[in-house]
Amino acid sequence: MKPFRALLENIDPAGEGFKPFRADTTITRVYALNGEKTILAFVRDSKNDWKSEFEKGIKPAEISGESIDFSEAARGREISKVRVYNLWNEKIIPAENSAKIKLPPFKRSCAVRIDFE
């Protein structure tokens, strides 16, 4: 299954009542949706965009060792599963069931899904 499709598998947008929030780090922009049973997040290298890559010819750097803290958004809920989706190489990486997520190395962007009990 393709990661983007897997990211959204069994999501009921109306039932989730998603609310947008940001969880940026010093080197990433994090656009997230906080729902009843799920947090979905798109993580983007803050130094990489279409202009840097296509107009300036700057290759994307690998981001490694980066963590994102979703504790405030996850407050009061028990996490059942955390996954990180590399949207560029089609890999789905299980992560520790924690609101503080250590991202695997990636280039450009990745997505995060946190499921709650």
N, C-alpha and C. Protein backbone atom coordinates (compact mmCIF):
# COMPACT_ATOMS: atom_id res chain seq x y z
N MET A 1 0.85 -1.18 0.00
CA MET A 1 0.00 0.00 0.00
C MET A 1 0.89 1.24 0.00
N LYS A 2 0.58 2.19 -0.80
CA LYS A 2 1.35 3.42 -0.87
C LYS A 2 1.23 4.18 0.46
N PRO A 3 2.32 4.80 0.91
CA PRO A 3 2.29 5.48 2.21
C PRO A 3 1.21 6.54 2.36
N PHE A 4 0.96 7.35 1.33
CA PHE A 4 -0.05 8.40 1.50
C PHE A 4 -1.43 7.78 1.69
N ARG A 5 -1.70 6.74 0.94
CA ARG A 5 -2.98 6.04 1.10
C ARG A 5 -3.06 5.40 2.49
N ALA A 6 -1.96 4.78 2.93
CA ALA A 6 -1.93 4.16 4.25
C ALA A 6 -2.07 5.19 5.36
N LEU A 7 -1.51 6.38 5.14
CA LEU A 7 -1.61 7.46 6.12
C LEU A 7 -3.07 7.79 6.42
N LEU A 8 -3.90 7.74 5.40
CA LEU A 8 -5.31 8.14 5.54
C LEU A 8 -6.27 6.96 5.70
N GLU A 9 -5.74 5.75 5.75
CA GLU A 9 -6.58 4.56 5.87
C GLU A 9 -7.46 4.61 7.12
N ASN A 10 -8.74 4.33 6.93
CA ASN A 10 -9.74 4.28 8.01
C ASN A 10 -9.94 5.61 8.74
N ILE A 11 -9.63 6.70 8.08
CA ILE A 11 -9.87 8.03 8.66
C ILE A 11 -11.26 8.50 8.24
N ASP A 12 -12.04 8.95 9.20
CA ASP A 12 -13.35 9.54 8.94
C ASP A 12 -13.22 11.04 9.22
N PRO A 13 -12.95 11.85 8.19
CA PRO A 13 -12.71 13.28 8.43
C PRO A 13 -13.82 13.97 9.21
N ALA A 14 -15.07 13.68 8.88
CA ALA A 14 -16.18 14.33 9.59
C ALA A 14 -16.24 13.88 11.05
N GLY A 15 -16.02 12.60 11.28
CA GLY A 15 -16.06 12.06 12.64
C GLY A 15 -14.89 12.50 13.50
N GLU A 16 -13.77 12.78 12.86
CA GLU A 16 -12.57 13.20 13.60
C GLU A 16 -12.70 14.63 14.12
N GLY A 17 -13.40 15.49 13.39
CA GLY A 17 -13.50 16.89 13.81
C GLY A 17 -12.13 17.55 13.89
N PHE A 18 -11.31 17.33 12.90
CA PHE A 18 -9.93 17.82 12.91
C PHE A 18 -9.83 19.32 13.14
N LYS A 19 -8.83 19.69 13.94
CA LYS A 19 -8.49 21.10 14.16
C LYS A 19 -7.01 21.27 13.79
N PRO A 20 -6.70 22.27 12.97
CA PRO A 20 -5.30 22.46 12.55
C PRO A 20 -4.45 23.07 13.66
N PHE A 21 -3.17 22.71 13.67
CA PHE A 21 -2.20 23.33 14.57
C PHE A 21 -0.81 23.19 13.96
N ARG A 22 0.14 23.93 14.50
CA ARG A 22 1.53 23.86 14.04
C ARG A 22 2.38 23.31 15.18
N ALA A 23 3.42 22.56 14.81
CA ALA A 23 4.36 22.00 15.79
C ALA A 23 5.78 22.12 15.25
N ASP A 24 6.12 23.28 14.70
CA ASP A 24 7.41 23.50 14.05
C ASP A 24 8.58 23.25 15.00
N THR A 25 9.70 22.83 14.40
CA THR A 25 10.95 22.70 15.14
C THR A 25 11.92 23.72 14.54
N THR A 26 13.14 23.72 14.98
CA THR A 26 14.10 24.69 14.44
C THR A 26 14.44 24.43 12.98
N ILE A 27 14.27 23.18 12.52
CA ILE A 27 14.63 22.88 11.13
C ILE A 27 13.48 22.32 10.29
N THR A 28 12.30 22.19 10.87
CA THR A 28 11.15 21.69 10.10
C THR A 28 9.92 22.57 10.32
N ARG A 29 9.07 22.58 9.31
CA ARG A 29 7.73 23.15 9.44
C ARG A 29 6.78 21.96 9.60
N VAL A 30 5.93 22.01 10.60
CA VAL A 30 5.04 20.88 10.88
C VAL A 30 3.60 21.38 10.86
N TYR A 31 2.86 20.93 9.86
CA TYR A 31 1.45 21.28 9.70
C TYR A 31 0.65 20.06 10.15
N ALA A 32 -0.21 20.22 11.15
CA ALA A 32 -0.87 19.05 11.74
C ALA A 32 -2.37 19.26 11.90
N LEU A 33 -3.05 18.12 12.00
CA LEU A 33 -4.49 18.08 12.26
C LEU A 33 -4.70 17.21 13.50
N ASN A 34 -5.41 17.75 14.48
CA ASN A 34 -5.69 17.03 15.72
C ASN A 34 -7.15 16.61 15.71
N GLY A 35 -7.39 15.29 15.67
CA GLY A 35 -8.75 14.77 15.64
C GLY A 35 -9.10 14.01 16.90
N GLU A 36 -10.31 13.46 16.93
CA GLU A 36 -10.78 12.71 18.09
C GLU A 36 -9.93 11.47 18.36
N LYS A 37 -9.56 10.74 17.29
CA LYS A 37 -8.83 9.49 17.43
C LYS A 37 -7.45 9.52 16.80
N THR A 38 -7.11 10.62 16.12
CA THR A 38 -5.90 10.63 15.30
C THR A 38 -5.27 12.02 15.23
N ILE A 39 -3.94 12.05 15.21
CA ILE A 39 -3.19 13.24 14.81
C ILE A 39 -2.50 12.90 13.50
N LEU A 40 -2.67 13.75 12.51
CA LEU A 40 -1.97 13.63 11.23
C LEU A 40 -1.07 14.84 11.08
N ALA A 41 0.17 14.63 10.65
CA ALA A 41 1.09 15.75 10.51
C ALA A 41 1.94 15.60 9.25
N PHE A 42 2.15 16.72 8.58
CA PHE A 42 3.05 16.80 7.44
C PHE A 42 4.27 17.58 7.89
N VAL A 43 5.44 16.97 7.77
CA VAL A 43 6.69 17.54 8.24
C VAL A 43 7.54 17.91 7.03
N ARG A 44 7.97 19.16 6.96
CA ARG A 44 8.70 19.65 5.79
C ARG A 44 10.02 20.28 6.22
N ASP A 45 11.09 19.95 5.51
CA ASP A 45 12.39 20.59 5.72
C ASP A 45 12.20 22.08 5.48
N SER A 46 12.50 22.91 6.47
CA SER A 46 12.24 24.35 6.34
C SER A 46 13.17 25.03 5.33
N LYS A 47 14.26 24.37 4.96
CA LYS A 47 15.19 24.97 4.00
C LYS A 47 14.95 24.50 2.57
N ASN A 48 14.00 23.60 2.37
CA ASN A 48 13.76 23.05 1.04
C ASN A 48 12.37 23.43 0.56
N ASP A 49 12.32 23.98 -0.64
CA ASP A 49 11.04 24.23 -1.30
C ASP A 49 11.28 24.15 -2.80
N TRP A 50 10.25 24.36 -3.58
CA TRP A 50 10.40 24.20 -5.02
C TRP A 50 11.39 25.20 -5.61
N LYS A 51 11.45 26.40 -5.04
CA LYS A 51 12.40 27.40 -5.56
C LYS A 51 13.84 26.98 -5.30
N SER A 52 14.12 26.53 -4.07
CA SER A 52 15.50 26.14 -3.76
C SER A 52 15.94 24.97 -4.63
N GLU A 53 15.03 24.05 -4.86
CA GLU A 53 15.40 22.84 -5.60
C GLU A 53 15.40 23.05 -7.11
N PHE A 54 14.38 23.69 -7.65
CA PHE A 54 14.26 23.80 -9.10
C PHE A 54 14.87 25.08 -9.69
N GLU A 55 14.71 26.19 -9.02
CA GLU A 55 15.28 27.44 -9.55
C GLU A 55 16.76 27.59 -9.19
N LYS A 56 17.11 27.23 -7.96
CA LYS A 56 18.49 27.41 -7.51
C LYS A 56 19.34 26.15 -7.63
N GLY A 57 18.69 25.01 -7.89
CA GLY A 57 19.42 23.75 -8.07
C GLY A 57 20.03 23.18 -6.80
N ILE A 58 19.50 23.56 -5.64
CA ILE A 58 20.02 23.07 -4.36
C ILE A 58 19.36 21.73 -4.04
N LYS A 59 20.17 20.69 -3.92
CA LYS A 59 19.65 19.36 -3.59
C LYS A 59 19.17 19.34 -2.14
N PRO A 60 18.09 18.59 -1.86
CA PRO A 60 17.62 18.51 -0.48
C PRO A 60 18.62 17.79 0.42
N ALA A 61 18.80 18.30 1.60
CA ALA A 61 19.70 17.68 2.58
C ALA A 61 18.93 16.63 3.37
N GLU A 62 19.65 15.67 3.91
CA GLU A 62 19.00 14.67 4.76
C GLU A 62 18.82 15.26 6.16
N ILE A 63 17.63 15.14 6.68
CA ILE A 63 17.32 15.55 8.05
C ILE A 63 17.44 14.29 8.90
N SER A 64 18.23 14.33 9.95
CA SER A 64 18.34 13.17 10.83
C SER A 64 18.46 13.63 12.28
N GLY A 65 18.00 12.78 13.18
CA GLY A 65 18.06 13.09 14.60
C GLY A 65 17.03 14.11 15.06
N GLU A 66 16.05 14.41 14.22
CA GLU A 66 15.04 15.42 14.58
C GLU A 66 13.88 14.76 15.33
N SER A 67 13.35 15.46 16.31
CA SER A 67 12.19 14.99 17.08
C SER A 67 11.11 16.05 17.07
N ILE A 68 9.88 15.59 17.17
CA ILE A 68 8.73 16.50 17.25
C ILE A 68 7.93 16.13 18.49
N ASP A 69 7.55 17.13 19.25
CA ASP A 69 6.81 16.90 20.49
C ASP A 69 5.33 17.25 20.28
N PHE A 70 4.50 16.21 20.27
CA PHE A 70 3.05 16.38 20.12
C PHE A 70 2.34 16.24 21.47
N SER A 71 3.07 16.36 22.58
CA SER A 71 2.50 16.13 23.92
C SER A 71 1.28 16.97 24.21
N GLU A 72 1.34 18.24 23.86
CA GLU A 72 0.20 19.12 24.15
C GLU A 72 -1.04 18.67 23.38
N ALA A 73 -0.88 18.33 22.11
CA ALA A 73 -2.01 17.90 21.30
C ALA A 73 -2.54 16.54 21.74
N ALA A 74 -1.67 15.68 22.27
CA ALA A 74 -2.06 14.33 22.67
C ALA A 74 -2.52 14.24 24.12
N ARG A 75 -2.45 15.32 24.83
CA ARG A 75 -2.73 15.34 26.27
C ARG A 75 -4.03 14.61 26.63
N GLY A 76 -3.92 13.73 27.65
CA GLY A 76 -5.09 13.04 28.19
C GLY A 76 -5.55 11.84 27.37
N ARG A 77 -4.81 11.47 26.35
CA ARG A 77 -5.21 10.32 25.51
C ARG A 77 -4.09 9.29 25.48
N GLU A 78 -4.49 8.02 25.41
CA GLU A 78 -3.51 6.94 25.34
C GLU A 78 -3.20 6.61 23.89
N ILE A 79 -1.93 6.60 23.56
CA ILE A 79 -1.50 6.33 22.19
C ILE A 79 -1.51 4.83 21.94
N SER A 80 -2.11 4.42 20.82
CA SER A 80 -2.12 3.01 20.46
C SER A 80 -1.11 2.67 19.36
N LYS A 81 -0.80 3.64 18.49
CA LYS A 81 0.13 3.35 17.40
C LYS A 81 0.68 4.65 16.83
N VAL A 82 1.97 4.65 16.49
CA VAL A 82 2.63 5.79 15.86
C VAL A 82 3.38 5.28 14.63
N ARG A 83 3.19 5.97 13.52
CA ARG A 83 3.90 5.61 12.29
C ARG A 83 4.42 6.87 11.61
N VAL A 84 5.57 6.72 10.95
CA VAL A 84 6.14 7.79 10.15
C VAL A 84 6.15 7.30 8.70
N TYR A 85 5.70 8.15 7.81
CA TYR A 85 5.58 7.79 6.40
C TYR A 85 6.56 8.61 5.58
N ASN A 86 7.49 7.91 4.90
CA ASN A 86 8.38 8.59 3.97
C ASN A 86 7.65 8.62 2.64
N LEU A 87 7.18 9.77 2.26
CA LEU A 87 6.35 9.91 1.06
C LEU A 87 7.17 9.86 -0.22
N TRP A 88 8.49 9.86 -0.11
CA TRP A 88 9.36 9.88 -1.29
C TRP A 88 9.91 8.51 -1.63
N ASN A 89 10.08 7.64 -0.65
CA ASN A 89 10.57 6.30 -0.95
C ASN A 89 9.56 5.21 -0.60
N GLU A 90 8.35 5.61 -0.25
CA GLU A 90 7.23 4.72 0.00
C GLU A 90 7.45 3.78 1.19
N LYS A 91 8.22 4.22 2.18
CA LYS A 91 8.43 3.41 3.37
C LYS A 91 7.54 3.90 4.51
N ILE A 92 7.02 2.94 5.24
CA ILE A 92 6.24 3.21 6.45
C ILE A 92 7.08 2.69 7.61
N ILE A 93 7.41 3.57 8.54
CA ILE A 93 8.30 3.21 9.64
C ILE A 93 7.53 3.28 10.95
N PRO A 94 7.38 2.14 11.64
CA PRO A 94 6.75 2.19 12.96
C PRO A 94 7.63 3.00 13.91
N ALA A 95 7.02 3.68 14.84
CA ALA A 95 7.77 4.48 15.81
C ALA A 95 7.29 4.11 17.21
N GLU A 96 8.06 4.52 18.20
CA GLU A 96 7.70 4.27 19.59
C GLU A 96 6.37 4.94 19.90
N ASN A 97 5.53 4.28 20.67
CA ASN A 97 4.24 4.85 21.06
C ASN A 97 4.45 5.95 22.08
N SER A 98 4.77 7.11 21.57
CA SER A 98 5.06 8.27 22.41
C SER A 98 4.62 9.53 21.66
N ALA A 99 4.26 10.55 22.40
CA ALA A 99 3.91 11.83 21.77
C ALA A 99 5.16 12.60 21.35
N LYS A 100 6.30 12.19 21.87
CA LYS A 100 7.59 12.78 21.46
C LYS A 100 8.21 11.83 20.45
N ILE A 101 8.10 12.20 19.18
CA ILE A 101 8.47 11.29 18.10
C ILE A 101 9.85 11.62 17.55
N LYS A 102 10.71 10.61 17.55
CA LYS A 102 12.03 10.73 16.93
C LYS A 102 11.86 10.31 15.48
N LEU A 103 12.08 11.24 14.58
CA LEU A 103 11.89 10.96 13.16
C LEU A 103 13.07 10.17 12.60
N PRO A 104 12.78 9.22 11.70
CA PRO A 104 13.89 8.57 10.99
C PRO A 104 14.48 9.56 10.00
N PRO A 105 15.69 9.32 9.49
CA PRO A 105 16.26 10.22 8.49
C PRO A 105 15.34 10.35 7.27
N PHE A 106 15.22 11.58 6.74
CA PHE A 106 14.39 11.81 5.56
C PHE A 106 14.90 13.02 4.80
N LYS A 107 14.49 13.11 3.54
CA LYS A 107 14.77 14.30 2.71
C LYS A 107 13.44 14.91 2.32
N ARG A 108 13.39 16.21 2.25
CA ARG A 108 12.24 17.02 1.86
C ARG A 108 11.11 16.99 2.88
N SER A 109 10.43 15.85 2.98
CA SER A 109 9.25 15.80 3.84
C SER A 109 8.91 14.37 4.24
N CYS A 110 8.10 14.28 5.27
CA CYS A 110 7.54 13.00 5.70
C CYS A 110 6.22 13.31 6.39
N ALA A 111 5.49 12.27 6.73
CA ALA A 111 4.22 12.45 7.42
C ALA A 111 4.22 11.58 8.68
N VAL A 112 3.43 12.00 9.66
CA VAL A 112 3.33 11.29 10.93
C VAL A 112 1.86 11.03 11.21
N ARG A 113 1.58 9.83 11.72
CA ARG A 113 0.22 9.51 12.16
C ARG A 113 0.30 8.94 13.57
N ILE A 114 -0.49 9.52 14.46
CA ILE A 114 -0.61 9.03 15.83
C ILE A 114 -2.06 8.61 16.02
N ASP A 115 -2.26 7.34 16.37
CA ASP A 115 -3.60 6.83 16.65
C ASP A 115 -3.77 6.69 18.16
N PHE A 116 -4.98 6.99 18.64
CA PHE A 116 -5.29 6.90 20.06
C PHE A 116 -6.28 5.77 20.31
N GLU A 117 -6.25 5.25 21.55
CA GLU A 117 -7.18 4.18 21.97
C GLU A 117 -8.61 4.65 21.83
